[in-house]
Amino acid sequence: MRIDAYNQVSQIYQASRPQKVAKKSETTVRDQFTVSSKGKDYQTAKKALAAAPDIREEKVAALKEQIASGSYNVSAQEIADSVVSKFFDSSI
């Protein structure tokens, strides 16, 4: 076995080892986040919707009064139209 050949092989492997890189001065890069005008409009609408009540109490009270007095009437045609339109709108 030749010792000089071993030294050459050793030098080749040492050359391919990763070298330590000197650290650069530490600079911090901060990410920036901006909301578009469309996003701001969406947030405003979402807040307004959250503030609105889920049930319109005045409309419910008026309907309860009509039902109690017997003056609440809905035609069968209106009910059928509503059911059919809901069926066809949801299947699309």
PDB file of N, CA and C in Angstrom:
ATOM      1  N   MET A   1       0.849  -1.181   0.000  1.00  0.00           N
ATOM      2  CA  MET A   1       0.000   0.000   0.000  1.00  0.00           C
ATOM      3  C   MET A   1       0.885   1.231   0.000  1.00  0.00           C
ATOM      4  N   ARG A   2       0.501   2.215  -0.797  1.00  0.00           N
ATOM      5  CA  ARG A   2       1.281   3.443  -0.901  1.00  0.00           C
ATOM      6  C   ARG A   2       0.692   4.504   0.008  1.00  0.00           C
ATOM      7  N   ILE A   3       1.499   5.081   0.841  1.00  0.00           N
ATOM      8  CA  ILE A   3       1.053   6.090   1.792  1.00  0.00           C
ATOM      9  C   ILE A   3       0.753   7.402   1.089  1.00  0.00           C
ATOM     10  N   ASP A   4       1.506   7.762   0.077  1.00  0.00           N
ATOM     11  CA  ASP A   4       1.271   9.031  -0.616  1.00  0.00           C
ATOM     12  C   ASP A   4      -0.082   9.035  -1.327  1.00  0.00           C
ATOM     13  N   ALA A   5      -0.546   7.895  -1.799  1.00  0.00           N
ATOM     14  CA  ALA A   5      -1.867   7.822  -2.429  1.00  0.00           C
ATOM     15  C   ALA A   5      -2.957   8.033  -1.381  1.00  0.00           C
ATOM     16  N   TYR A   6      -2.746   7.529  -0.182  1.00  0.00           N
ATOM     17  CA  TYR A   6      -3.702   7.728   0.894  1.00  0.00           C
ATOM     18  C   TYR A   6      -3.830   9.209   1.239  1.00  0.00           C
ATOM     19  N   ASN A   7      -2.742   9.911   1.246  1.00  0.00           N
ATOM     20  CA  ASN A   7      -2.763  11.348   1.519  1.00  0.00           C
ATOM     21  C   ASN A   7      -3.544  12.100   0.450  1.00  0.00           C
ATOM     22  N   GLN A   8      -3.414  11.700  -0.784  1.00  0.00           N
ATOM     23  CA  GLN A   8      -4.148  12.367  -1.862  1.00  0.00           C
ATOM     24  C   GLN A   8      -5.656  12.120  -1.727  1.00  0.00           C
ATOM     25  N   VAL A   9      -6.033  10.894  -1.400  1.00  0.00           N
ATOM     26  CA  VAL A   9      -7.453  10.566  -1.217  1.00  0.00           C
ATOM     27  C   VAL A   9      -8.003  11.334  -0.032  1.00  0.00           C
ATOM     28  N   SER A  10      -7.220  11.407   1.018  1.00  0.00           N
ATOM     29  CA  SER A  10      -7.636  12.136   2.211  1.00  0.00           C
ATOM     30  C   SER A  10      -7.853  13.611   1.890  1.00  0.00           C
ATOM     31  N   GLN A  11      -7.016  14.185   1.079  1.00  0.00           N
ATOM     32  CA  GLN A  11      -7.139  15.590   0.709  1.00  0.00           C
ATOM     33  C   GLN A  11      -8.400  15.820  -0.130  1.00  0.00           C
ATOM     34  N   ILE A  12      -8.742  14.865  -0.954  1.00  0.00           N
ATOM     35  CA  ILE A  12      -9.946  15.005  -1.786  1.00  0.00           C
ATOM     36  C   ILE A  12     -11.187  15.034  -0.905  1.00  0.00           C
ATOM     37  N   TYR A  13     -11.253  14.113   0.073  1.00  0.00           N
ATOM     38  CA  TYR A  13     -12.421  14.073   0.945  1.00  0.00           C
ATOM     39  C   TYR A  13     -12.503  15.299   1.841  1.00  0.00           C
ATOM     40  N   GLN A  14     -11.409  15.819   2.254  1.00  0.00           N
ATOM     41  CA  GLN A  14     -11.427  17.010   3.095  1.00  0.00           C
ATOM     42  C   GLN A  14     -11.882  18.237   2.303  1.00  0.00           C
ATOM     43  N   ALA A  15     -11.602  18.250   1.044  1.00  0.00           N
ATOM     44  CA  ALA A  15     -12.005  19.378   0.217  1.00  0.00           C
ATOM     45  C   ALA A  15     -13.522  19.420   0.040  1.00  0.00           C
ATOM     46  N   SER A  16     -14.171  18.243   0.097  1.00  0.00           N
ATOM     47  CA  SER A  16     -15.610  18.228  -0.130  1.00  0.00           C
ATOM     48  C   SER A  16     -16.413  18.433   1.152  1.00  0.00           C
ATOM     49  N   ARG A  17     -15.770  18.518   2.288  1.00  0.00           N
ATOM     50  CA  ARG A  17     -16.477  18.777   3.536  1.00  0.00           C
ATOM     51  C   ARG A  17     -16.992  20.214   3.546  1.00  0.00           C
ATOM     52  N   PRO A  18     -18.133  20.390   4.148  1.00  0.00           N
ATOM     53  CA  PRO A  18     -18.660  21.753   4.199  1.00  0.00           C
ATOM     54  C   PRO A  18     -17.781  22.636   5.072  1.00  0.00           C
ATOM     55  N   GLN A  19     -17.544  23.814   4.591  1.00  0.00           N
ATOM     56  CA  GLN A  19     -16.728  24.774   5.315  1.00  0.00           C
ATOM     57  C   GLN A  19     -17.620  25.610   6.217  1.00  0.00           C
ATOM     58  N   LYS A  20     -17.117  25.992   7.341  1.00  0.00           N
ATOM     59  CA  LYS A  20     -17.879  26.862   8.233  1.00  0.00           C
ATOM     60  C   LYS A  20     -17.914  28.254   7.628  1.00  0.00           C
ATOM     61  N   VAL A  21     -19.077  28.809   7.641  1.00  0.00           N
ATOM     62  CA  VAL A  21     -19.258  30.139   7.084  1.00  0.00           C
ATOM     63  C   VAL A  21     -19.331  31.117   8.247  1.00  0.00           C
ATOM     64  N   ALA A  22     -18.619  32.187   8.096  1.00  0.00           N
ATOM     65  CA  ALA A  22     -18.634  33.204   9.144  1.00  0.00           C
ATOM     66  C   ALA A  22     -20.017  33.839   9.187  1.00  0.00           C
ATOM     67  N   LYS A  23     -20.512  34.037  10.391  1.00  0.00           N
ATOM     68  CA  LYS A  23     -21.836  34.633  10.535  1.00  0.00           C
ATOM     69  C   LYS A  23     -21.800  36.093  10.126  1.00  0.00           C
ATOM     70  N   LYS A  24     -22.820  36.446   9.401  1.00  0.00           N
ATOM     71  CA  LYS A  24     -22.972  37.849   9.041  1.00  0.00           C
ATOM     72  C   LYS A  24     -23.559  38.570  10.231  1.00  0.00           C
ATOM     73  N   SER A  25     -23.490  39.857  10.183  1.00  0.00           N
ATOM     74  CA  SER A  25     -24.092  40.609  11.275  1.00  0.00           C
ATOM     75  C   SER A  25     -25.583  40.289  11.306  1.00  0.00           C
ATOM     76  N   GLU A  26     -26.095  40.111  12.500  1.00  0.00           N
ATOM     77  CA  GLU A  26     -27.489  39.704  12.629  1.00  0.00           C
ATOM     78  C   GLU A  26     -28.418  40.876  12.331  1.00  0.00           C
ATOM     79  N   THR A  27     -29.117  40.749  11.250  1.00  0.00           N
ATOM     80  CA  THR A  27     -30.130  41.738  10.901  1.00  0.00           C
ATOM     81  C   THR A  27     -31.468  41.033  10.943  1.00  0.00           C
ATOM     82  N   THR A  28     -32.399  41.644  11.551  1.00  0.00           N
ATOM     83  CA  THR A  28     -33.718  41.030  11.631  1.00  0.00           C
ATOM     84  C   THR A  28     -34.590  41.579  10.510  1.00  0.00           C
ATOM     85  N   VAL A  29     -35.203  40.654   9.825  1.00  0.00           N
ATOM     86  CA  VAL A  29     -36.124  41.013   8.757  1.00  0.00           C
ATOM     87  C   VAL A  29     -37.522  40.761   9.299  1.00  0.00           C
ATOM     88  N   ARG A  30     -38.322  41.756   9.288  1.00  0.00           N
ATOM     89  CA  ARG A  30     -39.672  41.629   9.816  1.00  0.00           C
ATOM     90  C   ARG A  30     -40.653  41.500   8.651  1.00  0.00           C
ATOM     91  N   ASP A  31     -41.562  40.572   8.834  1.00  0.00           N
ATOM     92  CA  ASP A  31     -42.617  40.410   7.846  1.00  0.00           C
ATOM     93  C   ASP A  31     -43.652  41.500   8.046  1.00  0.00           C
ATOM     94  N   GLN A  32     -44.228  41.918   6.942  1.00  0.00           N
ATOM     95  CA  GLN A  32     -45.259  42.928   7.031  1.00  0.00           C
ATOM     96  C   GLN A  32     -46.566  42.342   6.520  1.00  0.00           C
ATOM     97  N   PHE A  33     -47.622  42.740   7.163  1.00  0.00           N
ATOM     98  CA  PHE A  33     -48.949  42.276   6.806  1.00  0.00           C
ATOM     99  C   PHE A  33     -49.841  43.483   6.612  1.00  0.00           C
ATOM    100  N   THR A  34     -50.416  43.594   5.444  1.00  0.00           N
ATOM    101  CA  THR A  34     -51.349  44.687   5.187  1.00  0.00           C
ATOM    102  C   THR A  34     -52.659  44.087   4.683  1.00  0.00           C
ATOM    103  N   VAL A  35     -53.732  44.687   5.081  1.00  0.00           N
ATOM    104  CA  VAL A  35     -55.056  44.229   4.681  1.00  0.00           C
ATOM    105  C   VAL A  35     -55.540  45.123   3.546  1.00  0.00           C
ATOM    106  N   SER A  36     -56.026  44.497   2.488  1.00  0.00           N
ATOM    107  CA  SER A  36     -56.517  45.266   1.346  1.00  0.00           C
ATOM    108  C   SER A  36     -57.814  45.969   1.713  1.00  0.00           C
ATOM    109  N   SER A  37     -58.218  46.888   0.858  1.00  0.00           N
ATOM    110  CA  SER A  37     -59.466  47.613   1.118  1.00  0.00           C
ATOM    111  C   SER A  37     -60.660  46.659   1.064  1.00  0.00           C
ATOM    112  N   LYS A  38     -60.588  45.661   0.206  1.00  0.00           N
ATOM    113  CA  LYS A  38     -61.656  44.674   0.122  1.00  0.00           C
ATOM    114  C   LYS A  38     -61.726  43.878   1.432  1.00  0.00           C
ATOM    115  N   GLY A  39     -60.570  43.536   1.976  1.00  0.00           N
ATOM    116  CA  GLY A  39     -60.526  42.826   3.247  1.00  0.00           C
ATOM    117  C   GLY A  39     -61.057  43.672   4.391  1.00  0.00           C
ATOM    118  N   LYS A  40     -60.749  44.966   4.370  1.00  0.00           N
ATOM    119  CA  LYS A  40     -61.257  45.875   5.406  1.00  0.00           C
ATOM    120  C   LYS A  40     -62.778  45.995   5.319  1.00  0.00           C
ATOM    121  N   ASP A  41     -63.288  46.065   4.092  1.00  0.00           N
ATOM    122  CA  ASP A  41     -64.737  46.118   3.907  1.00  0.00           C
ATOM    123  C   ASP A  41     -65.390  44.840   4.430  1.00  0.00           C
ATOM    124  N   TYR A  42     -64.751  43.710   4.176  1.00  0.00           N
ATOM    125  CA  TYR A  42     -65.268  42.430   4.654  1.00  0.00           C
ATOM    126  C   TYR A  42     -65.297  42.401   6.180  1.00  0.00           C
ATOM    127  N   GLN A  43     -64.233  42.883   6.805  1.00  0.00           N
ATOM    128  CA  GLN A  43     -64.182  42.908   8.266  1.00  0.00           C
ATOM    129  C   GLN A  43     -65.275  43.809   8.839  1.00  0.00           C
ATOM    130  N   THR A  44     -65.500  44.965   8.208  1.00  0.00           N
ATOM    131  CA  THR A  44     -66.538  45.882   8.665  1.00  0.00           C
ATOM    132  C   THR A  44     -67.920  45.234   8.553  1.00  0.00           C
ATOM    133  N   ALA A  45     -68.172  44.578   7.431  1.00  0.00           N
ATOM    134  CA  ALA A  45     -69.457  43.907   7.232  1.00  0.00           C
ATOM    135  C   ALA A  45     -69.639  42.769   8.234  1.00  0.00           C
ATOM    136  N   LYS A  46     -68.575  42.048   8.503  1.00  0.00           N
ATOM    137  CA  LYS A  46     -68.645  40.931   9.451  1.00  0.00           C
ATOM    138  C   LYS A  46     -68.953  41.430  10.865  1.00  0.00           C
ATOM    139  N   LYS A  47     -68.351  42.551  11.254  1.00  0.00           N
ATOM    140  CA  LYS A  47     -68.624  43.128  12.569  1.00  0.00           C
ATOM    141  C   LYS A  47     -70.075  43.608  12.664  1.00  0.00           C
ATOM    142  N   ALA A  48     -70.572  44.235  11.582  1.00  0.00           N
ATOM    143  CA  ALA A  48     -71.949  44.723  11.581  1.00  0.00           C
ATOM    144  C   ALA A  48     -72.935  43.558  11.658  1.00  0.00           C
ATOM    145  N   LEU A  49     -72.629  42.481  10.974  1.00  0.00           N
ATOM    146  CA  LEU A  49     -73.489  41.307  10.996  1.00  0.00           C
ATOM    147  C   LEU A  49     -73.485  40.656  12.378  1.00  0.00           C
ATOM    148  N   ALA A  50     -72.333  40.635  13.023  1.00  0.00           N
ATOM    149  CA  ALA A  50     -72.246  40.054  14.364  1.00  0.00           C
ATOM    150  C   ALA A  50     -73.024  40.884  15.376  1.00  0.00           C
ATOM    151  N   ALA A  51     -73.087  42.189  15.157  1.00  0.00           N
ATOM    152  CA  ALA A  51     -73.806  43.078  16.080  1.00  0.00           C
ATOM    153  C   ALA A  51     -75.317  43.022  15.871  1.00  0.00           C
ATOM    154  N   ALA A  52     -75.748  42.624  14.688  1.00  0.00           N
ATOM    155  CA  ALA A  52     -77.190  42.572  14.399  1.00  0.00           C
ATOM    156  C   ALA A  52     -77.809  41.359  15.089  1.00  0.00           C
ATOM    157  N   PRO A  53     -79.035  41.508  15.568  1.00  0.00           N
ATOM    158  CA  PRO A  53     -79.691  40.369  16.216  1.00  0.00           C
ATOM    159  C   PRO A  53     -80.077  39.302  15.192  1.00  0.00           C
ATOM    160  N   ASP A  54     -80.079  38.045  15.636  1.00  0.00           N
ATOM    161  CA  ASP A  54     -80.426  36.942  14.743  1.00  0.00           C
ATOM    162  C   ASP A  54     -81.927  36.892  14.447  1.00  0.00           C
ATOM    163  N   ILE A  55     -82.732  37.332  15.399  1.00  0.00           N
ATOM    164  CA  ILE A  55     -84.183  37.268  15.256  1.00  0.00           C
ATOM    165  C   ILE A  55     -84.738  38.689  15.261  1.00  0.00           C
ATOM    166  N   ARG A  56     -85.563  38.982  14.271  1.00  0.00           N
ATOM    167  CA  ARG A  56     -86.211  40.294  14.222  1.00  0.00           C
ATOM    168  C   ARG A  56     -87.457  40.241  15.097  1.00  0.00           C
ATOM    169  N   GLU A  57     -87.290  40.703  16.317  1.00  0.00           N
ATOM    170  CA  GLU A  57     -88.338  40.586  17.333  1.00  0.00           C
ATOM    171  C   GLU A  57     -89.644  41.260  16.914  1.00  0.00           C
ATOM    172  N   GLU A  58     -89.572  42.436  16.278  1.00  0.00           N
ATOM    173  CA  GLU A  58     -90.795  43.148  15.903  1.00  0.00           C
ATOM    174  C   GLU A  58     -91.592  42.381  14.857  1.00  0.00           C
ATOM    175  N   LYS A  59     -90.887  41.714  13.921  1.00  0.00           N
ATOM    176  CA  LYS A  59     -91.592  40.946  12.897  1.00  0.00           C
ATOM    177  C   LYS A  59     -92.224  39.691  13.515  1.00  0.00           C
ATOM    178  N   VAL A  60     -91.491  39.050  14.426  1.00  0.00           N
ATOM    179  CA  VAL A  60     -92.012  37.860  15.092  1.00  0.00           C
ATOM    180  C   VAL A  60     -93.249  38.221  15.923  1.00  0.00           C
ATOM    181  N   ALA A  61     -93.175  39.353  16.620  1.00  0.00           N
ATOM    182  CA  ALA A  61     -94.319  39.780  17.454  1.00  0.00           C
ATOM    183  C   ALA A  61     -95.541  40.056  16.589  1.00  0.00           C
ATOM    184  N   ALA A  62     -95.334  40.685  15.439  1.00  0.00           N
ATOM    185  CA  ALA A  62     -96.461  40.983  14.545  1.00  0.00           C
ATOM    186  C   ALA A  62     -97.081  39.696  14.014  1.00  0.00           C
ATOM    187  N   LEU A  63     -96.264  38.719  13.651  1.00  0.00           N
ATOM    188  CA  LEU A  63     -96.784  37.447  13.148  1.00  0.00           C
ATOM    189  C   LEU A  63     -97.507  36.672  14.243  1.00  0.00           C
ATOM    190  N   LYS A  64     -96.977  36.694  15.458  1.00  0.00           N
ATOM    191  CA  LYS A  64     -97.642  36.020  16.572  1.00  0.00           C
ATOM    192  C   LYS A  64     -99.023  36.631  16.830  1.00  0.00           C
ATOM    193  N   GLU A  65     -99.086  37.941  16.720  1.00  0.00           N
ATOM    194  CA  GLU A  65    -100.355  38.641  16.934  1.00  0.00           C
ATOM    195  C   GLU A  65    -101.368  38.260  15.866  1.00  0.00           C
ATOM    196  N   GLN A  66    -100.921  38.187  14.608  1.00  0.00           N
ATOM    197  CA  GLN A  66    -101.819  37.806  13.517  1.00  0.00           C
ATOM    198  C   GLN A  66    -102.307  36.369  13.686  1.00  0.00           C
ATOM    199  N   ILE A  67    -101.400  35.471  14.090  1.00  0.00           N
ATOM    200  CA  ILE A  67    -101.795  34.072  14.282  1.00  0.00           C
ATOM    201  C   ILE A  67    -102.796  33.960  15.435  1.00  0.00           C
ATOM    202  N   ALA A  68    -102.527  34.682  16.519  1.00  0.00           N
ATOM    203  CA  ALA A  68    -103.417  34.632  17.686  1.00  0.00           C
ATOM    204  C   ALA A  68    -104.801  35.186  17.365  1.00  0.00           C
ATOM    205  N   SER A  69    -104.847  36.233  16.546  1.00  0.00           N
ATOM    206  CA  SER A  69    -106.143  36.836  16.210  1.00  0.00           C
ATOM    207  C   SER A  69    -106.851  36.090  15.084  1.00  0.00           C
ATOM    208  N   GLY A  70    -106.132  35.188  14.391  1.00  0.00           N
ATOM    209  CA  GLY A  70    -106.744  34.423  13.299  1.00  0.00           C
ATOM    210  C   GLY A  70    -106.712  35.142  11.977  1.00  0.00           C
ATOM    211  N   SER A  71    -105.986  36.244  11.879  1.00  0.00           N
ATOM    212  CA  SER A  71    -105.944  37.006  10.625  1.00  0.00           C
ATOM    213  C   SER A  71    -104.734  36.656   9.756  1.00  0.00           C
ATOM    214  N   TYR A  72    -103.937  35.677  10.173  1.00  0.00           N
ATOM    215  CA  TYR A  72    -102.753  35.296   9.375  1.00  0.00           C
ATOM    216  C   TYR A  72    -103.167  34.268   8.341  1.00  0.00           C
ATOM    217  N   ASN A  73    -103.079  34.663   7.080  1.00  0.00           N
ATOM    218  CA  ASN A  73    -103.462  33.776   5.980  1.00  0.00           C
ATOM    219  C   ASN A  73    -102.366  33.757   4.928  1.00  0.00           C
ATOM    220  N   VAL A  74    -102.037  32.563   4.500  1.00  0.00           N
ATOM    221  CA  VAL A  74    -101.070  32.392   3.416  1.00  0.00           C
ATOM    222  C   VAL A  74    -101.737  31.497   2.385  1.00  0.00           C
ATOM    223  N   SER A  75    -101.642  31.893   1.129  1.00  0.00           N
ATOM    224  CA  SER A  75    -102.290  31.098   0.090  1.00  0.00           C
ATOM    225  C   SER A  75    -101.467  29.836  -0.195  1.00  0.00           C
ATOM    226  N   ALA A  76    -102.148  28.806  -0.592  1.00  0.00           N
ATOM    227  CA  ALA A  76    -101.495  27.536  -0.929  1.00  0.00           C
ATOM    228  C   ALA A  76    -100.566  27.723  -2.124  1.00  0.00           C
ATOM    229  N   GLN A  77    -100.944  28.629  -3.016  1.00  0.00           N
ATOM    230  CA  GLN A  77    -100.123  28.893  -4.203  1.00  0.00           C
ATOM    231  C   GLN A  77     -98.762  29.472  -3.789  1.00  0.00           C
ATOM    232  N   GLU A  78     -98.762  30.397  -2.817  1.00  0.00           N
ATOM    233  CA  GLU A  78     -97.500  30.992  -2.353  1.00  0.00           C
ATOM    234  C   GLU A  78     -96.602  29.938  -1.714  1.00  0.00           C
ATOM    235  N   ILE A  79     -97.197  29.040  -0.932  1.00  0.00           N
ATOM    236  CA  ILE A  79     -96.422  27.972  -0.293  1.00  0.00           C
ATOM    237  C   ILE A  79     -95.836  27.049  -1.350  1.00  0.00           C
ATOM    238  N   ALA A  80     -96.640  26.650  -2.328  1.00  0.00           N
ATOM    239  CA  ALA A  80     -96.171  25.758  -3.391  1.00  0.00           C
ATOM    240  C   ALA A  80     -95.061  26.418  -4.195  1.00  0.00           C
ATOM    241  N   ASP A  81     -95.231  27.681  -4.532  1.00  0.00           N
ATOM    242  CA  ASP A  81     -94.193  28.396  -5.287  1.00  0.00           C
ATOM    243  C   ASP A  81     -92.883  28.451  -4.504  1.00  0.00           C
ATOM    244  N   SER A  82     -92.989  28.710  -3.217  1.00  0.00           N
ATOM    245  CA  SER A  82     -91.799  28.797  -2.381  1.00  0.00           C
ATOM    246  C   SER A  82     -91.079  27.453  -2.288  1.00  0.00           C
ATOM    247  N   VAL A  83     -91.829  26.373  -2.099  1.00  0.00           N
ATOM    248  CA  VAL A  83     -91.232  25.037  -1.992  1.00  0.00           C
ATOM    249  C   VAL A  83     -90.558  24.650  -3.303  1.00  0.00           C
ATOM    250  N   VAL A  84     -91.239  24.879  -4.404  1.00  0.00           N
ATOM    251  CA  VAL A  84     -90.687  24.511  -5.715  1.00  0.00           C
ATOM    252  C   VAL A  84     -89.440  25.344  -6.011  1.00  0.00           C
ATOM    253  N   SER A  85     -89.473  26.633  -5.750  1.00  0.00           N
ATOM    254  CA  SER A  85     -88.305  27.477  -6.051  1.00  0.00           C
ATOM    255  C   SER A  85     -87.111  27.078  -5.160  1.00  0.00           C
ATOM    256  N   LYS A  86     -87.348  26.740  -3.900  1.00  0.00           N
ATOM    257  CA  LYS A  86     -86.264  26.296  -3.012  1.00  0.00           C
ATOM    258  C   LYS A  86     -85.668  24.980  -3.511  1.00  0.00           C
ATOM    259  N   PHE A  87     -86.543  24.070  -3.991  1.00  0.00           N
ATOM    260  CA  PHE A  87     -86.081  22.792  -4.490  1.00  0.00           C
ATOM    261  C   PHE A  87     -85.182  22.962  -5.707  1.00  0.00           C
ATOM    262  N   PHE A  88     -85.611  23.783  -6.674  1.00  0.00           N
ATOM    263  CA  PHE A  88     -84.838  23.956  -7.895  1.00  0.00           C
ATOM    264  C   PHE A  88     -83.603  24.813  -7.671  1.00  0.00           C
ATOM    265  N   ASP A  89     -83.653  25.751  -6.733  1.00  0.00           N
ATOM    266  CA  ASP A  89     -82.477  26.582  -6.451  1.00  0.00           C
ATOM    267  C   ASP A  89     -81.385  25.770  -5.761  1.00  0.00           C
ATOM    268  N   SER A  90     -81.756  24.831  -4.922  1.00  0.00           N
ATOM    269  CA  SER A  90     -80.756  24.057  -4.182  1.00  0.00           C
ATOM    270  C   SER A  90     -80.156  22.948  -5.026  1.00  0.00           C
ATOM    271  N   SER A  91     -80.819  22.491  -6.065  1.00  0.00           N
ATOM    272  CA  SER A  91     -80.314  21.384  -6.879  1.00  0.00           C
ATOM    273  C   SER A  91     -79.352  21.851  -7.968  1.00  0.00           C
ATOM    274  N   ILE A  92     -79.221  23.135  -8.163  1.00  0.00           N
ATOM    275  CA  ILE A  92     -78.326  23.656  -9.217  1.00  0.00           C
ATOM    276  C   ILE A  92     -76.918  23.632  -8.799  1.00  0.00           C
TER     277      ILE A  92
END
